[in-house]
C-alpha atoms as a PDB file:
ATOM      1  CA  UNK A   1     -70.333  48.844   5.466  1.00  0.00           C
ATOM      2  CA  UNK A   2     -72.849  47.820   2.387  1.00  0.00           C
ATOM      3  CA  UNK A   3     -74.163  43.933   1.539  1.00  0.00           C
ATOM      4  CA  UNK A   4     -71.622  43.694  -1.091  1.00  0.00           C
ATOM      5  CA  UNK A   5     -68.759  44.363   1.039  1.00  0.00           C
ATOM      6  CA  UNK A   6     -69.822  42.051   3.932  1.00  0.00           C
ATOM      7  CA  UNK A   7     -70.334  39.262   1.412  1.00  0.00           C
ATOM      8  CA  UNK A   8     -67.045  39.835   0.111  1.00  0.00           C
ATOM      9  CA  UNK A   9     -65.640  39.664   3.231  1.00  0.00           C
ATOM     10  CA  UNK A  10     -67.467  36.367   4.257  1.00  0.00           C
ATOM     11  CA  UNK A  11     -66.354  34.906   1.057  1.00  0.00           C
ATOM     12  CA  UNK A  12     -62.326  35.844   1.681  1.00  0.00           C
ATOM     13  CA  UNK A  13     -62.916  34.612   5.430  1.00  0.00           C
ATOM     14  CA  UNK A  14     -64.464  31.137   4.222  1.00  0.00           C
ATOM     15  CA  UNK A  15     -61.506  31.200   1.784  1.00  0.00           C
ATOM     16  CA  UNK A  16     -58.848  31.576   4.454  1.00  0.00           C
ATOM     17  CA  UNK A  17     -60.565  28.941   6.833  1.00  0.00           C
ATOM     18  CA  UNK A  18     -60.506  26.660   3.794  1.00  0.00           C
ATOM     19  CA  UNK A  19     -56.374  27.082   3.150  1.00  0.00           C
ATOM     20  CA  UNK A  20     -55.663  26.969   6.609  1.00  0.00           C
ATOM     21  CA  UNK A  21     -57.538  23.673   6.889  1.00  0.00           C
ATOM     22  CA  UNK A  22     -56.012  22.264   3.931  1.00  0.00           C
ATOM     23  CA  UNK A  23     -52.148  23.582   4.936  1.00  0.00           C
ATOM     24  CA  UNK A  24     -52.847  21.945   8.579  1.00  0.00           C
ATOM     25  CA  UNK A  25     -54.098  18.398   6.842  1.00  0.00           C
ATOM     26  CA  UNK A  26     -51.264  18.785   4.584  1.00  0.00           C
ATOM     27  CA  UNK A  27     -48.909  19.257   7.762  1.00  0.00           C
ATOM     28  CA  UNK A  28     -50.313  16.086   9.517  1.00  0.00           C
ATOM     29  CA  UNK A  29     -50.055  13.884   6.510  1.00  0.00           C
ATOM     30  CA  UNK A  30     -47.012  14.487   4.747  1.00  0.00           C
ATOM     31  CA  UNK A  31     -45.015  12.271   7.067  1.00  0.00           C
ATOM     32  CA  UNK A  32     -47.237   9.241   6.473  1.00  0.00           C
ATOM     33  CA  UNK A  33     -47.641   9.957   2.692  1.00  0.00           C
ATOM     34  CA  UNK A  34     -43.640  10.498   2.425  1.00  0.00           C
ATOM     35  CA  UNK A  35     -43.182   6.746   3.956  1.00  0.00           C
ATOM     36  CA  UNK A  36     -39.545   5.859   6.008  1.00  0.00           C
ATOM     37  CA  UNK A  37     -37.037   8.434   5.137  1.00  0.00           C
ATOM     38  CA  UNK A  38     -34.371   6.876   6.656  1.00  0.00           C
ATOM     39  CA  UNK A  39     -35.412   3.648   4.733  1.00  0.00           C
ATOM     40  CA  UNK A  40     -35.154   5.368   1.215  1.00  0.00           C
ATOM     41  CA  UNK A  41     -31.613   7.073   2.322  1.00  0.00           C
ATOM     42  CA  UNK A  42     -30.422   3.942   2.845  1.00  0.00           C
ATOM     43  CA  UNK A  43     -31.368   2.606   0.036  1.00  0.00           C
ATOM     44  CA  UNK A  44     -29.784   5.162  -1.967  1.00  0.00           C
ATOM     45  CA  UNK A  45     -26.531   4.389  -0.238  1.00  0.00           C
ATOM     46  CA  UNK A  46     -27.322   0.570  -1.397  1.00  0.00           C
ATOM     47  CA  UNK A  47     -27.784   1.402  -4.675  1.00  0.00           C
ATOM     48  CA  UNK A  48     -24.855   3.731  -4.956  1.00  0.00           C
ATOM     49  CA  UNK A  49     -22.411   1.185  -3.145  1.00  0.00           C
ATOM     50  CA  UNK A  50     -23.664  -1.708  -6.020  1.00  0.00           C
ATOM     51  CA  UNK A  51     -22.887   0.944  -8.828  1.00  0.00           C
ATOM     52  CA  UNK A  52     -19.376   1.534  -7.681  1.00  0.00           C
ATOM     53  CA  UNK A  53     -19.216  -2.086  -7.106  1.00  0.00           C
ATOM     54  CA  UNK A  54     -20.270  -2.747 -10.344  1.00  0.00           C
ATOM     55  CA  UNK A  55     -17.824   0.113 -12.223  1.00  0.00           C
ATOM     56  CA  UNK A  56     -14.728  -0.972 -10.173  1.00  0.00           C
ATOM     57  CA  UNK A  57     -15.319  -4.739 -11.308  1.00  0.00           C
ATOM     58  CA  UNK A  58     -15.615  -3.244 -14.825  1.00  0.00           C
ATOM     59  CA  UNK A  59     -12.299  -1.499 -14.384  1.00  0.00           C
ATOM     60  CA  UNK A  60     -10.467  -3.989 -13.030  1.00  0.00           C
ATOM     61  CA  UNK A  61     -11.402  -6.630 -15.641  1.00  0.00           C
ATOM     62  CA  UNK A  62     -10.287  -4.000 -18.013  1.00  0.00           C
ATOM     63  CA  UNK A  63      -6.956  -4.857 -19.864  1.00  0.00           C
ATOM     64  CA  UNK A  64      -4.575  -7.051 -17.821  1.00  0.00           C
ATOM     65  CA  UNK A  65      -6.235  -6.682 -14.286  1.00  0.00           C
ATOM     66  CA  UNK A  66      -5.494  -7.593 -11.124  1.00  0.00           C
ATOM     67  CA  UNK A  67      -5.624 -11.201 -11.582  1.00  0.00           C
ATOM     68  CA  UNK A  68      -3.902 -12.147 -14.970  1.00  0.00           C
ATOM     69  CA  UNK A  69      -3.629 -15.665 -15.007  1.00  0.00           C
ATOM     70  CA  UNK A  70      -0.699 -17.238 -16.636  1.00  0.00           C
ATOM     71  CA  UNK A  71      -1.171 -19.980 -19.536  1.00  0.00           C
ATOM     72  CA  UNK A  72       1.497 -21.535 -21.398  1.00  0.00           C
ATOM     73  CA  UNK A  73       5.126 -23.596 -20.843  1.00  0.00           C
ATOM     74  CA  UNK A  74       5.665 -22.380 -17.424  1.00  0.00           C
ATOM     75  CA  UNK A  75       2.138 -23.061 -16.148  1.00  0.00           C
ATOM     76  CA  UNK A  76       2.387 -26.035 -17.465  1.00  0.00           C
ATOM     77  CA  UNK A  77       5.356 -27.152 -16.090  1.00  0.00           C
ATOM     78  CA  UNK A  78       5.003 -25.975 -12.570  1.00  0.00           C
ATOM     79  CA  UNK A  79       1.654 -28.047 -12.244  1.00  0.00           C
ATOM     80  CA  UNK A  80       2.854 -30.993 -14.337  1.00  0.00           C
ATOM     81  CA  UNK A  81       6.013 -30.944 -11.677  1.00  0.00           C
ATOM     82  CA  UNK A  82       4.299 -29.841  -8.643  1.00  0.00           C
ATOM     83  CA  UNK A  83       6.756 -27.496  -8.140  1.00  0.00           C
ATOM     84  CA  UNK A  84       4.380 -25.465  -5.361  1.00  0.00           C
ATOM     85  CA  UNK A  85       4.810 -28.398  -3.427  1.00  0.00           C
ATOM     86  CA  UNK A  86       8.381 -29.515  -3.877  1.00  0.00           C
ATOM     87  CA  UNK A  87       9.727 -26.075  -3.539  1.00  0.00           C
ATOM     88  CA  UNK A  88       7.337 -24.704  -1.205  1.00  0.00           C
ATOM     89  CA  UNK A  89       8.247 -21.428   0.271  1.00  0.00           C
ATOM     90  CA  UNK A  90       5.929 -20.021   3.118  1.00  0.00           C
ATOM     91  CA  UNK A  91       3.711 -17.072   2.854  1.00  0.00           C
ATOM     92  CA  UNK A  92       4.871 -16.579  -1.079  1.00  0.00           C
ATOM     93  CA  UNK A  93       1.400 -14.883  -2.166  1.00  0.00           C
ATOM     94  CA  UNK A  94       1.887 -12.510   0.788  1.00  0.00           C
ATOM     95  CA  UNK A  95       5.448 -11.816   0.139  1.00  0.00           C
ATOM     96  CA  UNK A  96       4.556 -11.132  -3.773  1.00  0.00           C
ATOM     97  CA  UNK A  97       1.947  -9.032  -2.765  1.00  0.00           C
ATOM     98  CA  UNK A  98       3.970  -7.264  -0.290  1.00  0.00           C
ATOM     99  CA  UNK A  99       6.967  -6.869  -3.549  1.00  0.00           C
ATOM    100  CA  UNK A 100       3.891  -5.585  -5.586  1.00  0.00           C
ATOM    101  CA  UNK A 101       3.831  -8.897  -7.883  1.00  0.00           C
ATOM    102  CA  UNK A 102       0.110  -9.715  -7.568  1.00  0.00           C
ATOM    103  CA  UNK A 103      -1.847 -12.719 -10.090  1.00  0.00           C
ATOM    104  CA  UNK A 104      -0.814 -16.365 -10.507  1.00  0.00           C
ATOM    105  CA  UNK A 105       1.856 -15.150 -13.436  1.00  0.00           C
ATOM    106  CA  UNK A 106       4.928 -14.116 -10.479  1.00  0.00           C
ATOM    107  CA  UNK A 107       4.201 -17.200  -8.519  1.00  0.00           C
ATOM    108  CA  UNK A 108       4.632 -19.730 -11.483  1.00  0.00           C
ATOM    109  CA  UNK A 109       7.754 -17.829 -12.720  1.00  0.00           C
ATOM    110  CA  UNK A 110       9.306 -17.644  -8.830  1.00  0.00           C
ATOM    111  CA  UNK A 111       9.053 -21.615  -8.553  1.00  0.00           C
ATOM    112  CA  UNK A 112      10.337 -21.913 -12.575  1.00  0.00           C
ATOM    113  CA  UNK A 113      13.396 -19.639 -11.379  1.00  0.00           C
ATOM    114  CA  UNK A 114      13.641 -21.730  -8.340  1.00  0.00           C
ATOM    115  CA  UNK A 115      14.333 -24.792 -10.045  1.00  0.00           C
ATOM    116  CA  UNK A 116      16.517 -23.384 -12.992  1.00  0.00           C
ATOM    117  CA  UNK A 117      18.638 -21.090 -11.921  1.00  0.00           C
ATOM    118  CA  UNK A 118      20.298 -23.660  -9.008  1.00  0.00           C
ATOM    119  CA  UNK A 119      20.578 -26.069 -12.130  1.00  0.00           C
ATOM    120  CA  UNK A 120      22.381 -23.511 -14.270  1.00  0.00           C
ATOM    121  CA  UNK A 121      24.821 -22.086 -11.671  1.00  0.00           C
ATOM    122  CA  UNK A 122      26.100 -25.403 -10.877  1.00  0.00           C
ATOM    123  CA  UNK A 123      26.722 -26.408 -14.172  1.00  0.00           C
ATOM    124  CA  UNK A 124      28.737 -22.951 -14.511  1.00  0.00           C
ATOM    125  CA  UNK A 125      30.779 -23.738 -11.573  1.00  0.00           C
ATOM    126  CA  UNK A 126      31.509 -27.285 -12.178  1.00  0.00           C
ATOM    127  CA  UNK A 127      32.136 -25.884 -15.718  1.00  0.00           C
ATOM    128  CA  UNK A 128      34.273 -22.758 -14.625  1.00  0.00           C
ATOM    129  CA  UNK A 129      35.604 -24.319 -11.295  1.00  0.00           C
ATOM    130  CA  UNK A 130      36.056 -28.041 -11.454  1.00  0.00           C
ATOM    131  CA  UNK A 131      36.966 -28.048 -15.134  1.00  0.00           C
ATOM    132  CA  UNK A 132      38.790 -25.457 -16.271  1.00  0.00           C
ATOM    133  CA  UNK A 133      39.854 -24.361 -12.857  1.00  0.00           C
ATOM    134  CA  UNK A 134      41.571 -20.864 -14.175  1.00  0.00           C
ATOM    135  CA  UNK A 135      42.566 -20.188 -10.330  1.00  0.00           C
ATOM    136  CA  UNK A 136      43.990 -23.630  -9.818  1.00  0.00           C
ATOM    137  CA  UNK A 137      42.342 -24.422  -7.090  1.00  0.00           C
ATOM    138  CA  UNK A 138      42.231 -27.961  -5.239  1.00  0.00           C
ATOM    139  CA  UNK A 139      39.282 -30.218  -6.095  1.00  0.00           C
ATOM    140  CA  UNK A 140      37.403 -29.935  -2.854  1.00  0.00           C
ATOM    141  CA  UNK A 141      37.481 -26.126  -2.864  1.00  0.00           C
ATOM    142  CA  UNK A 142      36.197 -26.040  -6.600  1.00  0.00           C
ATOM    143  CA  UNK A 143      33.374 -28.738  -5.595  1.00  0.00           C
ATOM    144  CA  UNK A 144      32.531 -26.144  -2.076  1.00  0.00           C
ATOM    145  CA  UNK A 145      32.157 -23.308  -4.750  1.00  0.00           C
ATOM    146  CA  UNK A 146      30.155 -24.898  -7.352  1.00  0.00           C
ATOM    147  CA  UNK A 147      27.522 -26.361  -4.287  1.00  0.00           C
ATOM    148  CA  UNK A 148      27.639 -22.755  -3.049  1.00  0.00           C
ATOM    149  CA  UNK A 149      26.742 -21.333  -6.411  1.00  0.00           C
ATOM    150  CA  UNK A 150      23.808 -24.054  -6.451  1.00  0.00           C
ATOM    151  CA  UNK A 151      22.787 -22.473  -2.970  1.00  0.00           C
ATOM    152  CA  UNK A 152      22.857 -19.354  -4.458  1.00  0.00           C
ATOM    153  CA  UNK A 153      20.495 -19.962  -7.006  1.00  0.00           C
ATOM    154  CA  UNK A 154      17.571 -21.886  -5.039  1.00  0.00           C
ATOM    155  CA  UNK A 155      17.596 -18.721  -2.896  1.00  0.00           C
ATOM    156  CA  UNK A 156      18.488 -15.669  -5.011  1.00  0.00           C
ATOM    157  CA  UNK A 157      14.428 -15.769  -6.128  1.00  0.00           C
ATOM    158  CA  UNK A 158      13.522 -15.170  -2.556  1.00  0.00           C
ATOM    159  CA  UNK A 159      16.063 -12.543  -1.966  1.00  0.00           C
ATOM    160  CA  UNK A 160      15.201 -10.643  -4.788  1.00  0.00           C
ATOM    161  CA  UNK A 161      11.330 -10.409  -3.844  1.00  0.00           C
ATOM    162  CA  UNK A 162      11.929  -9.907  -0.368  1.00  0.00           C
ATOM    163  CA  UNK A 163      14.713  -6.619  -1.771  1.00  0.00           C
ATOM    164  CA  UNK A 164      11.591  -5.425  -3.825  1.00  0.00           C
ATOM    165  CA  UNK A 165       9.338  -5.385  -1.104  1.00  0.00           C
ATOM    166  CA  UNK A 166      11.865  -3.570   0.736  1.00  0.00           C
ATOM    167  CA  UNK A 167      12.330  -0.703  -1.595  1.00  0.00           C
ATOM    168  CA  UNK A 168       8.226  -0.692  -2.324  1.00  0.00           C
ATOM    169  CA  UNK A 169       8.158  -0.321   1.443  1.00  0.00           C
ATOM    170  CA  UNK A 170      10.663   2.600   1.700  1.00  0.00           C
ATOM    171  CA  UNK A 171       8.766   4.495  -0.853  1.00  0.00           C
ATOM    172  CA  UNK A 172       5.084   4.006   0.651  1.00  0.00           C
ATOM    173  CA  UNK A 173       6.406   4.615   4.479  1.00  0.00           C
ATOM    174  CA  UNK A 174       7.295   8.557   4.213  1.00  0.00           C
ATOM    175  CA  UNK A 175       4.201   9.511   2.390  1.00  0.00           C
ATOM    176  CA  UNK A 176       1.708   7.176   3.899  1.00  0.00           C
ATOM    177  CA  UNK A 177       1.013   9.663   7.431  1.00  0.00           C
ATOM    178  CA  UNK A 178       0.306  12.376   4.615  1.00  0.00           C
ATOM    179  CA  UNK A 179      -2.395  10.243   3.081  1.00  0.00           C
ATOM    180  CA  UNK A 180      -3.719   9.721   6.565  1.00  0.00           C
ATOM    181  CA  UNK A 181      -4.414  13.241   6.919  1.00  0.00           C
ATOM    182  CA  UNK A 182      -6.131  13.377   3.576  1.00  0.00           C
ATOM    183  CA  UNK A 183      -7.701  10.571   4.423  1.00  0.00           C
ATOM    184  CA  UNK A 184      -9.082  12.168   7.499  1.00  0.00           C
ATOM    185  CA  UNK A 185      -9.911  15.572   5.858  1.00  0.00           C
ATOM    186  CA  UNK A 186     -12.240  13.604   3.364  1.00  0.00           C
ATOM    187  CA  UNK A 187     -13.579  11.266   6.262  1.00  0.00           C
ATOM    188  CA  UNK A 188     -14.748  14.589   8.238  1.00  0.00           C
ATOM    189  CA  UNK A 189     -16.020  16.373   5.088  1.00  0.00           C
ATOM    190  CA  UNK A 190     -18.649  13.833   4.824  1.00  0.00           C
ATOM    191  CA  UNK A 191     -17.306  11.239   2.480  1.00  0.00           C
ATOM    192  CA  UNK A 192     -17.791   7.757   3.020  1.00  0.00           C
ATOM    193  CA  UNK A 193     -14.758   5.866   3.669  1.00  0.00           C
ATOM    194  CA  UNK A 194     -15.088   3.942   0.018  1.00  0.00           C
ATOM    195  CA  UNK A 195     -15.317   7.720  -1.626  1.00  0.00           C
ATOM    196  CA  UNK A 196     -12.257   8.828   0.435  1.00  0.00           C
ATOM    197  CA  UNK A 197      -9.836   6.364  -0.367  1.00  0.00           C
ATOM    198  CA  UNK A 198     -10.799   6.480  -3.750  1.00  0.00           C
ATOM    199  CA  UNK A 199      -9.663  10.164  -2.966  1.00  0.00           C
ATOM    200  CA  UNK A 200      -6.699   9.672  -1.629  1.00  0.00           C
ATOM    201  CA  UNK A 201      -5.382   7.052  -4.079  1.00  0.00           C
ATOM    202  CA  UNK A 202      -5.762  10.013  -6.868  1.00  0.00           C
ATOM    203  CA  UNK A 203      -4.570  12.754  -4.829  1.00  0.00           C
ATOM    204  CA  UNK A 204      -1.216  10.470  -3.599  1.00  0.00           C
ATOM    205  CA  UNK A 205      -0.253   9.310  -7.173  1.00  0.00           C
ATOM    206  CA  UNK A 206       1.983  12.300  -7.781  1.00  0.00           C
ATOM    207  CA  UNK A 207       3.991  11.556  -4.637  1.00  0.00           C
ATOM    208  CA  UNK A 208       3.679   7.331  -4.416  1.00  0.00           C
ATOM    209  CA  UNK A 209       2.515   5.175  -7.151  1.00  0.00           C
ATOM    210  CA  UNK A 210       2.731   2.370  -4.858  1.00  0.00           C
ATOM    211  CA  UNK A 211       0.553   3.999  -2.038  1.00  0.00           C
ATOM    212  CA  UNK A 212      -2.061   5.238  -4.619  1.00  0.00           C
ATOM    213  CA  UNK A 213      -2.157   1.586  -5.923  1.00  0.00           C
ATOM    214  CA  UNK A 214      -2.712   0.325  -2.517  1.00  0.00           C
ATOM    215  CA  UNK A 215      -5.309   2.351  -1.871  1.00  0.00           C
ATOM    216  CA  UNK A 216      -7.140   1.823  -5.030  1.00  0.00           C
ATOM    217  CA  UNK A 217      -7.025  -1.322  -4.370  1.00  0.00           C
ATOM    218  CA  UNK A 218      -8.745  -0.999  -0.977  1.00  0.00           C
ATOM    219  CA  UNK A 219     -11.124   1.021  -2.882  1.00  0.00           C
ATOM    220  CA  UNK A 220     -12.072  -2.017  -4.726  1.00  0.00           C
ATOM    221  CA  UNK A 221     -12.061  -4.435  -1.943  1.00  0.00           C
ATOM    222  CA  UNK A 222     -14.424  -2.001  -0.017  1.00  0.00           C
ATOM    223  CA  UNK A 223     -16.612  -1.856  -2.775  1.00  0.00           C
ATOM    224  CA  UNK A 224     -17.119  -5.333  -3.622  1.00  0.00           C
ATOM    225  CA  UNK A 225     -16.247  -7.336  -0.918  1.00  0.00           C
ATOM    226  CA  UNK A 226     -19.433  -8.435   1.660  1.00  0.00           C
ATOM    227  CA  UNK A 227     -16.886  -7.504   4.763  1.00  0.00           C
ATOM    228  CA  UNK A 228     -15.033  -4.020   5.301  1.00  0.00           C
ATOM    229  CA  UNK A 229     -12.917  -6.002   7.996  1.00  0.00           C
ATOM    230  CA  UNK A 230     -11.864  -8.308   4.876  1.00  0.00           C
ATOM    231  CA  UNK A 231     -10.705  -5.838   2.976  1.00  0.00           C
ATOM    232  CA  UNK A 232      -8.560  -4.166   5.786  1.00  0.00           C
ATOM    233  CA  UNK A 233      -6.949  -7.226   7.005  1.00  0.00           C
ATOM    234  CA  UNK A 234      -5.794  -7.648   2.896  1.00  0.00           C
ATOM    235  CA  UNK A 235      -4.349  -4.102   3.177  1.00  0.00           C
ATOM    236  CA  UNK A 236      -2.523  -5.081   6.203  1.00  0.00           C
ATOM    237  CA  UNK A 237      -1.122  -8.331   4.658  1.00  0.00           C
ATOM    238  CA  UNK A 238      -0.219  -6.437   1.725  1.00  0.00           C
ATOM    239  CA  UNK A 239       2.031  -3.986   3.512  1.00  0.00           C
ATOM    240  CA  UNK A 240       4.344  -5.666   5.894  1.00  0.00           C
ATOM    241  CA  UNK A 241       4.939  -1.848   8.011  1.00  0.00           C
ATOM    242  CA  UNK A 242       3.611  -1.396  11.326  1.00  0.00           C
ATOM    243  CA  UNK A 243       2.036   1.821  11.020  1.00  0.00           C
ATOM    244  CA  UNK A 244      -0.216   0.394   7.814  1.00  0.00           C
ATOM    245  CA  UNK A 245      -0.917  -2.697  10.204  1.00  0.00           C
ATOM    246  CA  UNK A 246      -1.784  -0.636  13.520  1.00  0.00           C
ATOM    247  CA  UNK A 247      -4.020   1.704  10.956  1.00  0.00           C
ATOM    248  CA  UNK A 248      -5.696  -1.383   9.274  1.00  0.00           C
ATOM    249  CA  UNK A 249      -6.481  -3.080  12.825  1.00  0.00           C
ATOM    250  CA  UNK A 250      -7.782   0.214  14.259  1.00  0.00           C
ATOM    251  CA  UNK A 251     -10.115   0.376  11.235  1.00  0.00           C
ATOM    252  CA  UNK A 252     -11.494  -2.964  11.995  1.00  0.00           C
ATOM    253  CA  UNK A 253     -12.132  -2.013  15.516  1.00  0.00           C
ATOM    254  CA  UNK A 254     -13.845   1.055  14.125  1.00  0.00           C
ATOM    255  CA  UNK A 255     -16.078  -1.073  11.740  1.00  0.00           C
ATOM    256  CA  UNK A 256     -16.419  -3.555  14.907  1.00  0.00           C
ATOM    257  CA  UNK A 257     -17.455  -1.565  17.620  1.00  0.00           C
ATOM    258  CA  UNK A 258     -19.015   1.783  15.832  1.00  0.00           C
ATOM    259  CA  UNK A 259     -16.256   4.302  17.241  1.00  0.00           C
ATOM    260  CA  UNK A 260     -15.985   7.501  15.693  1.00  0.00           C
ATOM    261  CA  UNK A 261     -13.991   7.030  12.462  1.00  0.00           C
ATOM    262  CA  UNK A 262     -12.580  10.685  12.522  1.00  0.00           C
ATOM    263  CA  UNK A 263     -10.873  10.507  15.796  1.00  0.00           C
ATOM    264  CA  UNK A 264      -9.709   7.298  15.110  1.00  0.00           C
ATOM    265  CA  UNK A 265      -7.619   8.361  12.003  1.00  0.00           C
ATOM    266  CA  UNK A 266      -6.754  11.484  13.758  1.00  0.00           C
ATOM    267  CA  UNK A 267      -4.920   9.406  16.293  1.00  0.00           C
ATOM    268  CA  UNK A 268      -3.727   7.360  13.670  1.00  0.00           C
ATOM    269  CA  UNK A 269      -1.851  10.304  11.786  1.00  0.00           C
ATOM    270  CA  UNK A 270      -0.666  11.588  15.095  1.00  0.00           C
ATOM    271  CA  UNK A 271       1.289   7.966  15.617  1.00  0.00           C
ATOM    272  CA  UNK A 272       2.587   7.573  12.082  1.00  0.00           C
ATOM    273  CA  UNK A 273       3.959  11.190  11.999  1.00  0.00           C
ATOM    274  CA  UNK A 274       5.498  10.243  15.222  1.00  0.00           C
ATOM    275  CA  UNK A 275       7.130   7.495  13.465  1.00  0.00           C
ATOM    276  CA  UNK A 276       8.227   9.260  10.649  1.00  0.00           C
ATOM    277  CA  UNK A 277      10.441  12.022  13.421  1.00  0.00           C
ATOM    278  CA  UNK A 278      12.008   9.236  15.166  1.00  0.00           C
ATOM    279  CA  UNK A 279      12.996   7.211  11.843  1.00  0.00           C
ATOM    280  CA  UNK A 280      14.253  10.648  10.722  1.00  0.00           C
ATOM    281  CA  UNK A 281      16.244  10.863  14.110  1.00  0.00           C
ATOM    282  CA  UNK A 282      17.451   7.844  14.041  1.00  0.00           C
ATOM    283  CA  UNK A 283      18.750   8.063  10.686  1.00  0.00           C
ATOM    284  CA  UNK A 284      20.340  11.460  11.878  1.00  0.00           C
ATOM    285  CA  UNK A 285      21.855   9.846  14.858  1.00  0.00           C
ATOM    286  CA  UNK A 286      23.263   7.322  13.135  1.00  0.00           C
ATOM    287  CA  UNK A 287      25.383   9.275  10.666  1.00  0.00           C
ATOM    288  CA  UNK A 288      28.036  10.149  12.549  1.00  0.00           C
ATOM    289  CA  UNK A 289      28.907   6.625  13.038  1.00  0.00           C
ATOM    290  CA  UNK A 290      28.899   6.030   9.389  1.00  0.00           C
ATOM    291  CA  UNK A 291      31.337   8.834   8.548  1.00  0.00           C
ATOM    292  CA  UNK A 292      33.908   7.642  10.960  1.00  0.00           C
ATOM    293  CA  UNK A 293      35.139   5.153   8.473  1.00  0.00           C
ATOM    294  CA  UNK A 294      35.152   8.171   5.300  1.00  0.00           C
ATOM    295  CA  UNK A 295      36.480  10.037   7.444  1.00  0.00           C
ATOM    296  CA  UNK A 296      39.504   8.087   8.357  1.00  0.00           C
ATOM    297  CA  UNK A 297      40.475   7.504   5.184  1.00  0.00           C
ATOM    298  CA  UNK A 298      39.889  10.123   2.959  1.00  0.00           C
ATOM    299  CA  UNK A 299      39.514  13.767   5.284  1.00  0.00           C
ATOM    300  CA  UNK A 300      42.401  12.775   7.340  1.00  0.00           C
ATOM    301  CA  UNK A 301      45.177  12.276   5.025  1.00  0.00           C
ATOM    302  CA  UNK A 302      44.407  14.982   2.989  1.00  0.00           C
ATOM    303  CA  UNK A 303      44.080  17.357   6.186  1.00  0.00           C
ATOM    304  CA  UNK A 304      47.722  15.882   7.280  1.00  0.00           C
ATOM    305  CA  UNK A 305      49.021  16.311   3.852  1.00  0.00           C
ATOM    306  CA  UNK A 306      47.876  19.740   3.747  1.00  0.00           C
ATOM    307  CA  UNK A 307      49.287  20.849   7.162  1.00  0.00           C
ATOM    308  CA  UNK A 308      52.071  18.884   7.402  1.00  0.00           C
ATOM    309  CA  UNK A 309      53.581  19.430   3.730  1.00  0.00           C
ATOM    310  CA  UNK A 310      54.546  22.904   4.102  1.00  0.00           C
ATOM    311  CA  UNK A 311      56.068  22.248   7.442  1.00  0.00           C
ATOM    312  CA  UNK A 312      58.057  19.812   5.927  1.00  0.00           C
ATOM    313  CA  UNK A 313      59.162  21.939   2.891  1.00  0.00           C
ATOM    314  CA  UNK A 314      60.611  24.263   5.344  1.00  0.00           C
ATOM    315  CA  UNK A 315      62.519  22.016   7.092  1.00  0.00           C
ATOM    316  CA  UNK A 316      63.981  20.140   3.787  1.00  0.00           C
ATOM    317  CA  UNK A 317      65.073  23.922   2.442  1.00  0.00           C
ATOM    318  CA  UNK A 318      66.678  24.701   6.247  1.00  0.00           C
ATOM    319  CA  UNK A 319      68.560  21.164   5.798  1.00  0.00           C
ATOM    320  CA  UNK A 320      69.733  22.055   2.868  1.00  0.00           C
END
């Protein structure tokens, strides 16, 4: 081997040793140079949450928003007459939320109607049943009907809110198990609970606008409230349904004790699906009892006419 070849081999060997040394030093010092990887990830999550909170707040502040303040005659009348104290209704805000009526304006309108309707119906009852008296009732009966109309006017706003809440919950309950299945899929795919609620709210808009609205509100509250537990409690308070309350309680326990969210949602989805099946079976079991009166009034007379008419015609022809 020539001297030039030996020198070239030594240079290649020295270069290889230098590269190996540099690679070893880089491997040893890289973790120290990168810093705390977990801290960076948590910082990124915090920044993303702050971004979501700002975006949600900007979206909610656009237009009318969630809490549109009622300014004007109605608000001044309710405040000046202290109707909230005089005509107090228990858990009115919760009932309004369950009916989908949010903000202060529906509360003021509720107290206004609770004040005005009894007066209007009492005046109508006195004019129609007492003074005009087209039915020729006695004085006691006329005044009793007038006061009954006044009581009806007092309780009518509460009945309206209750019926509206019942119709709203009737539209939410059948599709809630499907929403839980979608929420479970989103969580198990790696989404955070805020993103999962937001995704499900968009997907469920076609099936139930009310449920999509509830999930959207929960997403906003999860984004800007300090405690997720408060957001879950608000979800349960806005929806007076056994399944939704159970899911909210399970999510609160998951947040508190750190149990797996996927297994909790899977269990609650199965339970709500079973509740939907039991509700359908209950309606099916009550169907024969509900059909008894229509069958007696409509089916049996027609059946008797069809069966007995030819026999009656033959008897009449023979006797004739």
